[in-house]
Amino acid sequence: MKTFSIDQILQKAIKADHDGKIQEAKDLYKEILKINSKHPDANHNLGLIELSVNNIETALSLFKIALEVNPDIEQFWISYIKILKKEKKFEDAEEVLKKMIIHKPNHPFTYYNLGNTQDILGKHNLAEINYLKAIELKPDFFEAYNSLALLQSKLNKLNFAELNFRKSIELKPEHIE
């Protein structure tokens, strides 16, 4: 009987996943996890499958393992944060975003997402700071200008809101919202 390496099993799983053979892919990812329970790609990819069938808690734990093992992979952060926000676990999402900033301190989208999350949590001053940091890192970030302006409108900082709405429009005039 021929034995396969983890990398070979992973490639078979990825191919099965891409070919729509979800159960086969799931079984192969689980086979990898029997050999190495902390394998980041197998955890992440199995998490995506579990998410697709609405096994949210299982997906969350798989994403968390993948991220803890390899925090250098941006997609692991994105998958984990996205599901936390979708499940309205905003406090958890905020904590994960703060950790992402430690690992990727110059990533404007992280500051933007942190700002959005903090706005939802009612932490408006922190949200404003994070939108500004996102803009500092990416001066053409029209979404950050727009979100900042919306927040400033809410806070009755209308002069600042107007300036930021104008900047957002200047950067992307075709953006209707």
N, C-alpha and C. Protein backbone atom coordinates (compact mmCIF):
# COMPACT_ATOMS: atom_id res chain seq x y z
N MET A 1 0.84 -1.18 0.00
CA MET A 1 0.00 0.00 0.00
C MET A 1 0.89 1.25 0.00
N LYS A 2 0.59 2.17 -0.89
CA LYS A 2 1.38 3.39 -1.02
C LYS A 2 0.93 4.40 0.02
N THR A 3 1.91 5.02 0.69
CA THR A 3 1.58 6.08 1.64
C THR A 3 1.90 7.42 0.99
N PHE A 4 1.11 8.39 1.34
CA PHE A 4 1.28 9.72 0.77
C PHE A 4 1.77 10.67 1.85
N SER A 5 2.55 11.64 1.44
CA SER A 5 3.00 12.68 2.36
C SER A 5 1.84 13.64 2.64
N ILE A 6 1.98 14.40 3.69
CA ILE A 6 0.95 15.40 4.00
C ILE A 6 0.76 16.35 2.83
N ASP A 7 1.87 16.76 2.20
CA ASP A 7 1.75 17.68 1.06
C ASP A 7 0.99 17.05 -0.10
N GLN A 8 1.21 15.77 -0.33
CA GLN A 8 0.49 15.09 -1.40
C GLN A 8 -1.00 14.99 -1.08
N ILE A 9 -1.30 14.67 0.18
CA ILE A 9 -2.71 14.59 0.59
C ILE A 9 -3.36 15.98 0.47
N LEU A 10 -2.61 17.00 0.88
CA LEU A 10 -3.14 18.37 0.79
C LEU A 10 -3.45 18.73 -0.66
N GLN A 11 -2.56 18.40 -1.56
CA GLN A 11 -2.80 18.71 -2.98
C GLN A 11 -4.02 17.97 -3.50
N LYS A 12 -4.19 16.71 -3.10
CA LYS A 12 -5.38 15.94 -3.49
C LYS A 12 -6.64 16.59 -2.92
N ALA A 13 -6.56 17.04 -1.68
CA ALA A 13 -7.71 17.68 -1.03
C ALA A 13 -8.08 18.97 -1.75
N ILE A 14 -7.09 19.77 -2.05
CA ILE A 14 -7.34 21.04 -2.74
C ILE A 14 -7.96 20.79 -4.11
N LYS A 15 -7.44 19.81 -4.81
CA LYS A 15 -7.99 19.47 -6.13
C LYS A 15 -9.44 18.99 -6.00
N ALA A 16 -9.69 18.12 -5.03
CA ALA A 16 -11.06 17.64 -4.82
C ALA A 16 -11.99 18.81 -4.50
N ASP A 17 -11.51 19.71 -3.65
CA ASP A 17 -12.29 20.89 -3.28
C ASP A 17 -12.62 21.71 -4.52
N HIS A 18 -11.62 21.98 -5.34
CA HIS A 18 -11.83 22.76 -6.57
C HIS A 18 -12.73 22.06 -7.57
N ASP A 19 -12.69 20.72 -7.55
CA ASP A 19 -13.53 19.94 -8.47
C ASP A 19 -14.95 19.75 -7.94
N GLY A 20 -15.24 20.34 -6.77
CA GLY A 20 -16.58 20.23 -6.20
C GLY A 20 -16.83 18.94 -5.45
N LYS A 21 -15.80 18.17 -5.22
CA LYS A 21 -15.93 16.92 -4.48
C LYS A 21 -15.69 17.21 -3.00
N ILE A 22 -16.65 17.89 -2.42
CA ILE A 22 -16.50 18.45 -1.08
C ILE A 22 -16.29 17.37 -0.02
N GLN A 23 -17.05 16.29 -0.05
CA GLN A 23 -16.90 15.25 0.96
C GLN A 23 -15.51 14.61 0.87
N GLU A 24 -15.04 14.38 -0.35
CA GLU A 24 -13.69 13.83 -0.53
C GLU A 24 -12.65 14.79 0.03
N ALA A 25 -12.80 16.07 -0.27
CA ALA A 25 -11.86 17.08 0.24
C ALA A 25 -11.90 17.10 1.77
N LYS A 26 -13.10 17.07 2.32
CA LYS A 26 -13.27 17.10 3.77
C LYS A 26 -12.57 15.89 4.42
N ASP A 27 -12.76 14.73 3.83
CA ASP A 27 -12.13 13.51 4.36
C ASP A 27 -10.61 13.60 4.29
N LEU A 28 -10.10 14.15 3.20
CA LEU A 28 -8.65 14.29 3.04
C LEU A 28 -8.08 15.30 4.04
N TYR A 29 -8.77 16.43 4.25
CA TYR A 29 -8.30 17.40 5.24
C TYR A 29 -8.30 16.77 6.63
N LYS A 30 -9.33 15.99 6.94
CA LYS A 30 -9.38 15.31 8.23
C LYS A 30 -8.26 14.28 8.37
N GLU A 31 -7.92 13.63 7.26
CA GLU A 31 -6.80 12.69 7.28
C GLU A 31 -5.49 13.41 7.64
N ILE A 32 -5.31 14.58 7.08
CA ILE A 32 -4.12 15.38 7.40
C ILE A 32 -4.13 15.74 8.88
N LEU A 33 -5.28 16.14 9.39
CA LEU A 33 -5.37 16.57 10.78
C LEU A 33 -5.18 15.41 11.76
N LYS A 34 -5.43 14.19 11.31
CA LYS A 34 -5.12 13.02 12.15
C LYS A 34 -3.60 12.88 12.30
N ILE A 35 -2.87 13.24 11.25
CA ILE A 35 -1.41 13.16 11.27
C ILE A 35 -0.82 14.36 12.00
N ASN A 36 -1.37 15.55 11.70
CA ASN A 36 -0.87 16.80 12.29
C ASN A 36 -2.07 17.70 12.57
N SER A 37 -2.55 17.67 13.79
CA SER A 37 -3.77 18.41 14.15
C SER A 37 -3.62 19.92 14.03
N LYS A 38 -2.39 20.39 13.92
CA LYS A 38 -2.15 21.84 13.84
C LYS A 38 -1.80 22.29 12.42
N HIS A 39 -2.01 21.44 11.43
CA HIS A 39 -1.65 21.81 10.06
C HIS A 39 -2.48 23.02 9.63
N PRO A 40 -1.86 24.17 9.38
CA PRO A 40 -2.63 25.40 9.15
C PRO A 40 -3.50 25.37 7.90
N ASP A 41 -2.98 24.88 6.80
CA ASP A 41 -3.77 24.88 5.56
C ASP A 41 -4.96 23.93 5.66
N ALA A 42 -4.74 22.75 6.24
CA ALA A 42 -5.83 21.79 6.39
C ALA A 42 -6.90 22.35 7.32
N ASN A 43 -6.49 22.99 8.42
CA ASN A 43 -7.46 23.60 9.33
C ASN A 43 -8.24 24.70 8.63
N HIS A 44 -7.55 25.57 7.93
CA HIS A 44 -8.23 26.68 7.26
C HIS A 44 -9.19 26.18 6.19
N ASN A 45 -8.70 25.29 5.33
CA ASN A 45 -9.54 24.83 4.22
C ASN A 45 -10.73 24.01 4.72
N LEU A 46 -10.51 23.19 5.74
CA LEU A 46 -11.63 22.46 6.33
C LEU A 46 -12.60 23.45 6.98
N GLY A 47 -12.06 24.52 7.57
CA GLY A 47 -12.91 25.57 8.13
C GLY A 47 -13.81 26.20 7.08
N LEU A 48 -13.27 26.41 5.90
CA LEU A 48 -14.08 26.97 4.81
C LEU A 48 -15.21 26.01 4.41
N ILE A 49 -14.90 24.72 4.38
CA ILE A 49 -15.94 23.74 4.06
C ILE A 49 -17.00 23.73 5.16
N GLU A 50 -16.57 23.72 6.42
CA GLU A 50 -17.52 23.72 7.54
C GLU A 50 -18.39 24.98 7.51
N LEU A 51 -17.79 26.08 7.16
CA LEU A 51 -18.54 27.34 7.05
C LEU A 51 -19.59 27.22 5.95
N SER A 52 -19.23 26.60 4.84
CA SER A 52 -20.16 26.48 3.70
C SER A 52 -21.39 25.65 4.04
N VAL A 53 -21.29 24.78 5.06
CA VAL A 53 -22.45 23.99 5.48
C VAL A 53 -22.99 24.49 6.82
N ASN A 54 -22.59 25.70 7.17
CA ASN A 54 -23.12 26.43 8.33
C ASN A 54 -22.73 25.81 9.68
N ASN A 55 -21.61 25.10 9.73
CA ASN A 55 -21.07 24.62 11.00
C ASN A 55 -20.14 25.70 11.55
N ILE A 56 -20.75 26.75 12.06
CA ILE A 56 -20.05 27.98 12.42
C ILE A 56 -19.01 27.76 13.52
N GLU A 57 -19.40 27.13 14.60
CA GLU A 57 -18.47 26.95 15.73
C GLU A 57 -17.27 26.10 15.33
N THR A 58 -17.52 25.05 14.53
CA THR A 58 -16.42 24.21 14.06
C THR A 58 -15.50 25.03 13.17
N ALA A 59 -16.08 25.80 12.26
CA ALA A 59 -15.28 26.65 11.37
C ALA A 59 -14.44 27.64 12.18
N LEU A 60 -15.06 28.27 13.17
CA LEU A 60 -14.33 29.23 14.00
C LEU A 60 -13.12 28.59 14.68
N SER A 61 -13.31 27.39 15.24
CA SER A 61 -12.19 26.75 15.93
C SER A 61 -11.10 26.34 14.95
N LEU A 62 -11.46 25.92 13.75
CA LEU A 62 -10.47 25.55 12.74
C LEU A 62 -9.70 26.79 12.26
N PHE A 63 -10.41 27.89 12.03
CA PHE A 63 -9.74 29.13 11.62
C PHE A 63 -8.79 29.62 12.70
N LYS A 64 -9.22 29.51 13.94
CA LYS A 64 -8.39 29.96 15.06
C LYS A 64 -7.09 29.17 15.12
N ILE A 65 -7.18 27.86 14.95
CA ILE A 65 -5.97 27.02 14.96
C ILE A 65 -5.04 27.42 13.82
N ALA A 66 -5.59 27.56 12.62
CA ALA A 66 -4.78 27.93 11.46
C ALA A 66 -4.04 29.24 11.72
N LEU A 67 -4.75 30.20 12.27
CA LEU A 67 -4.17 31.51 12.55
C LEU A 67 -3.11 31.45 13.63
N GLU A 68 -3.36 30.70 14.68
CA GLU A 68 -2.38 30.58 15.76
C GLU A 68 -1.09 29.92 15.28
N VAL A 69 -1.23 28.94 14.39
CA VAL A 69 -0.06 28.22 13.89
C VAL A 69 0.72 29.07 12.88
N ASN A 70 0.00 29.79 12.03
CA ASN A 70 0.69 30.59 11.01
C ASN A 70 0.03 31.96 10.86
N PRO A 71 0.41 32.92 11.71
CA PRO A 71 -0.20 34.25 11.64
C PRO A 71 0.32 35.09 10.46
N ASP A 72 1.24 34.54 9.68
CA ASP A 72 1.76 35.30 8.54
C ASP A 72 0.87 35.23 7.32
N ILE A 73 -0.09 34.33 7.32
CA ILE A 73 -0.98 34.18 6.16
C ILE A 73 -2.19 35.10 6.33
N GLU A 74 -2.26 36.12 5.50
CA GLU A 74 -3.32 37.12 5.60
C GLU A 74 -4.71 36.51 5.47
N GLN A 75 -4.87 35.53 4.60
CA GLN A 75 -6.18 34.93 4.39
C GLN A 75 -6.72 34.28 5.66
N PHE A 76 -5.84 33.76 6.51
CA PHE A 76 -6.29 33.15 7.76
C PHE A 76 -6.94 34.21 8.65
N TRP A 77 -6.32 35.39 8.71
CA TRP A 77 -6.89 36.50 9.48
C TRP A 77 -8.25 36.90 8.91
N ILE A 78 -8.28 37.06 7.59
CA ILE A 78 -9.50 37.54 6.93
C ILE A 78 -10.65 36.57 7.17
N SER A 79 -10.41 35.28 6.99
CA SER A 79 -11.47 34.28 7.18
C SER A 79 -12.00 34.32 8.61
N TYR A 80 -11.10 34.37 9.56
CA TYR A 80 -11.48 34.35 10.97
C TYR A 80 -12.27 35.61 11.34
N ILE A 81 -11.76 36.76 10.96
CA ILE A 81 -12.43 38.03 11.28
C ILE A 81 -13.78 38.12 10.59
N LYS A 82 -13.83 37.71 9.34
CA LYS A 82 -15.08 37.79 8.57
C LYS A 82 -16.20 36.99 9.25
N ILE A 83 -15.89 35.78 9.69
CA ILE A 83 -16.92 34.96 10.33
C ILE A 83 -17.30 35.53 11.70
N LEU A 84 -16.33 36.06 12.44
CA LEU A 84 -16.65 36.67 13.73
C LEU A 84 -17.63 37.83 13.54
N LYS A 85 -17.36 38.66 12.54
CA LYS A 85 -18.24 39.80 12.29
C LYS A 85 -19.60 39.34 11.78
N LYS A 86 -19.61 38.34 10.91
CA LYS A 86 -20.87 37.82 10.39
C LYS A 86 -21.73 37.27 11.52
N GLU A 87 -21.09 36.66 12.50
CA GLU A 87 -21.81 36.10 13.63
C GLU A 87 -22.06 37.13 14.74
N LYS A 88 -21.73 38.38 14.44
CA LYS A 88 -21.94 39.50 15.36
C LYS A 88 -21.15 39.34 16.67
N LYS A 89 -19.99 38.71 16.56
CA LYS A 89 -19.08 38.58 17.70
C LYS A 89 -18.06 39.71 17.59
N PHE A 90 -18.57 40.94 17.73
CA PHE A 90 -17.77 42.12 17.45
C PHE A 90 -16.64 42.33 18.44
N GLU A 91 -16.88 42.01 19.72
CA GLU A 91 -15.79 42.15 20.70
C GLU A 91 -14.64 41.22 20.34
N ASP A 92 -14.96 39.98 19.96
CA ASP A 92 -13.93 39.03 19.55
C ASP A 92 -13.23 39.51 18.29
N ALA A 93 -14.01 40.01 17.34
CA ALA A 93 -13.42 40.52 16.10
C ALA A 93 -12.47 41.68 16.39
N GLU A 94 -12.87 42.55 17.30
CA GLU A 94 -12.01 43.68 17.68
C GLU A 94 -10.67 43.17 18.22
N GLU A 95 -10.71 42.18 19.09
CA GLU A 95 -9.47 41.64 19.68
C GLU A 95 -8.59 41.01 18.60
N VAL A 96 -9.19 40.27 17.69
CA VAL A 96 -8.42 39.63 16.62
C VAL A 96 -7.82 40.70 15.70
N LEU A 97 -8.58 41.73 15.39
CA LEU A 97 -8.06 42.82 14.56
C LEU A 97 -6.87 43.52 15.23
N LYS A 98 -6.96 43.71 16.54
CA LYS A 98 -5.83 44.32 17.27
C LYS A 98 -4.59 43.44 17.18
N LYS A 99 -4.79 42.13 17.27
CA LYS A 99 -3.66 41.20 17.12
C LYS A 99 -3.11 41.24 15.71
N MET A 100 -3.99 41.38 14.74
CA MET A 100 -3.53 41.45 13.34
C MET A 100 -2.65 42.68 13.14
N ILE A 101 -3.00 43.77 13.79
CA ILE A 101 -2.19 44.99 13.67
C ILE A 101 -0.79 44.75 14.22
N ILE A 102 -0.68 43.97 15.26
CA ILE A 102 0.65 43.65 15.80
C ILE A 102 1.47 42.89 14.76
N HIS A 103 0.81 41.96 14.05
CA HIS A 103 1.51 41.16 13.04
C HIS A 103 1.68 41.89 11.72
N LYS A 104 0.75 42.78 11.40
CA LYS A 104 0.78 43.51 10.12
C LYS A 104 0.47 44.98 10.40
N PRO A 105 1.46 45.70 10.97
CA PRO A 105 1.19 47.07 11.43
C PRO A 105 0.96 48.10 10.33
N ASN A 106 1.26 47.78 9.10
CA ASN A 106 1.11 48.76 8.02
C ASN A 106 0.03 48.36 7.03
N HIS A 107 -0.96 47.66 7.50
CA HIS A 107 -2.03 47.16 6.65
C HIS A 107 -3.27 48.05 6.82
N PRO A 108 -3.53 48.96 5.88
CA PRO A 108 -4.62 49.92 6.05
C PRO A 108 -6.00 49.29 6.21
N PHE A 109 -6.23 48.16 5.55
CA PHE A 109 -7.55 47.54 5.63
C PHE A 109 -7.83 47.00 7.03
N THR A 110 -6.79 46.64 7.76
CA THR A 110 -6.97 46.18 9.14
C THR A 110 -7.46 47.33 10.01
N TYR A 111 -6.84 48.48 9.87
CA TYR A 111 -7.27 49.65 10.64
C TYR A 111 -8.70 50.05 10.26
N TYR A 112 -9.00 49.97 8.97
CA TYR A 112 -10.34 50.29 8.49
C TYR A 112 -11.37 49.33 9.10
N ASN A 113 -11.08 48.03 9.06
CA ASN A 113 -12.00 47.05 9.64
C ASN A 113 -12.12 47.21 11.16
N LEU A 114 -11.01 47.54 11.80
CA LEU A 114 -11.06 47.80 13.23
C LEU A 114 -11.94 49.01 13.51
N GLY A 115 -11.79 50.05 12.70
CA GLY A 115 -12.64 51.23 12.84
C GLY A 115 -14.12 50.89 12.67
N ASN A 116 -14.44 50.10 11.66
CA ASN A 116 -15.84 49.68 11.44
C ASN A 116 -16.37 48.91 12.64
N THR A 117 -15.55 48.00 13.15
CA THR A 117 -15.96 47.17 14.28
C THR A 117 -16.17 48.03 15.53
N GLN A 118 -15.24 48.95 15.76
CA GLN A 118 -15.36 49.82 16.93
C GLN A 118 -16.55 50.78 16.80
N ASP A 119 -16.86 51.19 15.59
CA ASP A 119 -18.04 52.03 15.38
C ASP A 119 -19.30 51.26 15.78
N ILE A 120 -19.38 50.01 15.36
CA ILE A 120 -20.52 49.16 15.74
C ILE A 120 -20.61 49.01 17.26
N LEU A 121 -19.45 48.89 17.90
CA LEU A 121 -19.41 48.71 19.36
C LEU A 121 -19.63 50.02 20.12
N GLY A 122 -19.78 51.12 19.38
CA GLY A 122 -20.00 52.41 20.03
C GLY A 122 -18.72 53.07 20.53
N LYS A 123 -17.58 52.55 20.11
CA LYS A 123 -16.29 53.13 20.50
C LYS A 123 -15.87 54.13 19.41
N HIS A 124 -16.62 55.21 19.34
CA HIS A 124 -16.50 56.14 18.22
C HIS A 124 -15.15 56.84 18.15
N ASN A 125 -14.60 57.23 19.29
CA ASN A 125 -13.30 57.91 19.27
C ASN A 125 -12.21 56.99 18.75
N LEU A 126 -12.24 55.73 19.17
CA LEU A 126 -11.26 54.76 18.68
C LEU A 126 -11.48 54.47 17.20
N ALA A 127 -12.73 54.38 16.79
CA ALA A 127 -13.04 54.16 15.38
C ALA A 127 -12.47 55.29 14.52
N GLU A 128 -12.67 56.51 14.98
CA GLU A 128 -12.17 57.67 14.24
C GLU A 128 -10.65 57.61 14.11
N ILE A 129 -9.97 57.26 15.17
CA ILE A 129 -8.50 57.15 15.14
C ILE A 129 -8.07 56.09 14.13
N ASN A 130 -8.77 54.98 14.10
CA ASN A 130 -8.39 53.90 13.19
C ASN A 130 -8.71 54.22 11.73
N TYR A 131 -9.79 54.92 11.48
CA TYR A 131 -10.05 55.38 10.11
C TYR A 131 -8.94 56.33 9.66
N LEU A 132 -8.54 57.22 10.54
CA LEU A 132 -7.47 58.17 10.20
C LEU A 132 -6.15 57.43 9.94
N LYS A 133 -5.87 56.39 10.71
CA LYS A 133 -4.65 55.60 10.49
C LYS A 133 -4.72 54.89 9.14
N ALA A 134 -5.88 54.36 8.81
CA ALA A 134 -6.05 53.71 7.50
C ALA A 134 -5.78 54.70 6.37
N ILE A 135 -6.27 55.91 6.53
CA ILE A 135 -6.06 56.96 5.52
C ILE A 135 -4.59 57.36 5.47
N GLU A 136 -3.96 57.46 6.61
CA GLU A 136 -2.53 57.78 6.65
C GLU A 136 -1.72 56.75 5.86
N LEU A 137 -2.07 55.48 6.02
CA LEU A 137 -1.34 54.41 5.34
C LEU A 137 -1.72 54.28 3.86
N LYS A 138 -2.94 54.70 3.52
CA LYS A 138 -3.42 54.60 2.14
C LYS A 138 -4.23 55.86 1.83
N PRO A 139 -3.54 56.92 1.42
CA PRO A 139 -4.20 58.22 1.22
C PRO A 139 -5.33 58.23 0.19
N ASP A 140 -5.42 57.22 -0.66
CA ASP A 140 -6.50 57.17 -1.65
C ASP A 140 -7.61 56.19 -1.24
N PHE A 141 -7.73 55.92 0.03
CA PHE A 141 -8.67 54.94 0.57
C PHE A 141 -10.04 55.60 0.73
N PHE A 142 -10.79 55.66 -0.37
CA PHE A 142 -12.06 56.40 -0.35
C PHE A 142 -13.06 55.82 0.65
N GLU A 143 -13.07 54.48 0.83
CA GLU A 143 -14.00 53.88 1.79
C GLU A 143 -13.72 54.38 3.21
N ALA A 144 -12.45 54.53 3.54
CA ALA A 144 -12.10 55.02 4.87
C ALA A 144 -12.54 56.47 5.04
N TYR A 145 -12.37 57.28 4.01
CA TYR A 145 -12.85 58.67 4.08
C TYR A 145 -14.37 58.68 4.26
N ASN A 146 -15.06 57.83 3.52
CA ASN A 146 -16.52 57.79 3.59
C ASN A 146 -16.98 57.34 4.97
N SER A 147 -16.38 56.28 5.49
CA SER A 147 -16.77 55.78 6.83
C SER A 147 -16.44 56.81 7.90
N LEU A 148 -15.30 57.46 7.76
CA LEU A 148 -14.92 58.51 8.70
C LEU A 148 -15.95 59.64 8.66
N ALA A 149 -16.36 60.03 7.47
CA ALA A 149 -17.34 61.11 7.32
C ALA A 149 -18.69 60.71 7.93
N LEU A 150 -19.10 59.47 7.70
CA LEU A 150 -20.36 59.00 8.29
C LEU A 150 -20.30 59.04 9.82
N LEU A 151 -19.18 58.59 10.35
CA LEU A 151 -18.98 58.61 11.80
C LEU A 151 -18.99 60.05 12.32
N GLN A 152 -18.27 60.92 11.63
CA GLN A 152 -18.21 62.32 12.08
C GLN A 152 -19.59 62.98 11.99
N SER A 153 -20.39 62.60 11.02
CA SER A 153 -21.77 63.11 10.93
C SER A 153 -22.55 62.69 12.16
N LYS A 154 -22.40 61.42 12.53
CA LYS A 154 -23.08 60.88 13.71
C LYS A 154 -22.65 61.62 14.97
N LEU A 155 -21.36 62.02 15.02
CA LEU A 155 -20.82 62.71 16.20
C LEU A 155 -21.02 64.22 16.14
N ASN A 156 -21.75 64.67 15.12
CA ASN A 156 -22.04 66.09 14.92
C ASN A 156 -20.78 66.92 14.67
N LYS A 157 -19.77 66.30 14.09
CA LYS A 157 -18.56 66.99 13.64
C LYS A 157 -18.74 67.29 12.15
N LEU A 158 -19.72 68.14 11.87
CA LEU A 158 -20.19 68.31 10.50
C LEU A 158 -19.17 68.93 9.55
N ASN A 159 -18.35 69.84 10.04
CA ASN A 159 -17.33 70.44 9.17
C ASN A 159 -16.32 69.39 8.72
N PHE A 160 -15.88 68.55 9.66
CA PHE A 160 -14.95 67.47 9.32
C PHE A 160 -15.63 66.44 8.41
N ALA A 161 -16.88 66.13 8.71
CA ALA A 161 -17.62 65.17 7.90
C ALA A 161 -17.72 65.66 6.46
N GLU A 162 -18.02 66.93 6.29
CA GLU A 162 -18.14 67.47 4.93
C GLU A 162 -16.81 67.35 4.18
N LEU A 163 -15.72 67.70 4.85
CA LEU A 163 -14.41 67.60 4.20
C LEU A 163 -14.10 66.16 3.78
N ASN A 164 -14.43 65.22 4.64
CA ASN A 164 -14.13 63.82 4.33
C ASN A 164 -15.08 63.24 3.29
N PHE A 165 -16.34 63.67 3.29
CA PHE A 165 -17.24 63.26 2.21
C PHE A 165 -16.73 63.80 0.87
N ARG A 166 -16.29 65.05 0.87
CA ARG A 166 -15.77 65.65 -0.37
C ARG A 166 -14.53 64.89 -0.86
N LYS A 167 -13.66 64.52 0.05
CA LYS A 167 -12.45 63.78 -0.32
C LYS A 167 -12.83 62.40 -0.88
N SER A 168 -13.79 61.75 -0.26
CA SER A 168 -14.25 60.45 -0.74
C SER A 168 -14.82 60.57 -2.15
N ILE A 169 -15.62 61.60 -2.38
CA ILE A 169 -16.21 61.83 -3.70
C ILE A 169 -15.11 62.16 -4.72
N GLU A 170 -14.15 62.95 -4.31
CA GLU A 170 -13.03 63.31 -5.19
C GLU A 170 -12.27 62.04 -5.62
N LEU A 171 -12.07 61.14 -4.68
CA LEU A 171 -11.31 59.92 -4.97
C LEU A 171 -12.09 58.94 -5.84
N LYS A 172 -13.41 58.89 -5.64
CA LYS A 172 -14.22 57.94 -6.39
C LYS A 172 -15.60 58.53 -6.67
N PRO A 173 -15.69 59.42 -7.65
CA PRO A 173 -16.95 60.12 -7.92
C PRO A 173 -18.08 59.19 -8.38
N GLU A 174 -17.74 58.04 -8.93
CA GLU A 174 -18.79 57.13 -9.40
C GLU A 174 -19.41 56.30 -8.27
N HIS A 175 -18.86 56.41 -7.07
CA HIS A 175 -19.40 55.68 -5.92
C HIS A 175 -20.65 56.40 -5.41
N ILE A 176 -21.81 55.89 -5.74
CA ILE A 176 -23.08 56.57 -5.51
C ILE A 176 -23.37 56.79 -4.02
N GLU A 177 -23.12 55.78 -3.18
CA GLU A 177 -23.45 55.92 -1.78
C GLU A 177 -22.72 57.11 -1.18
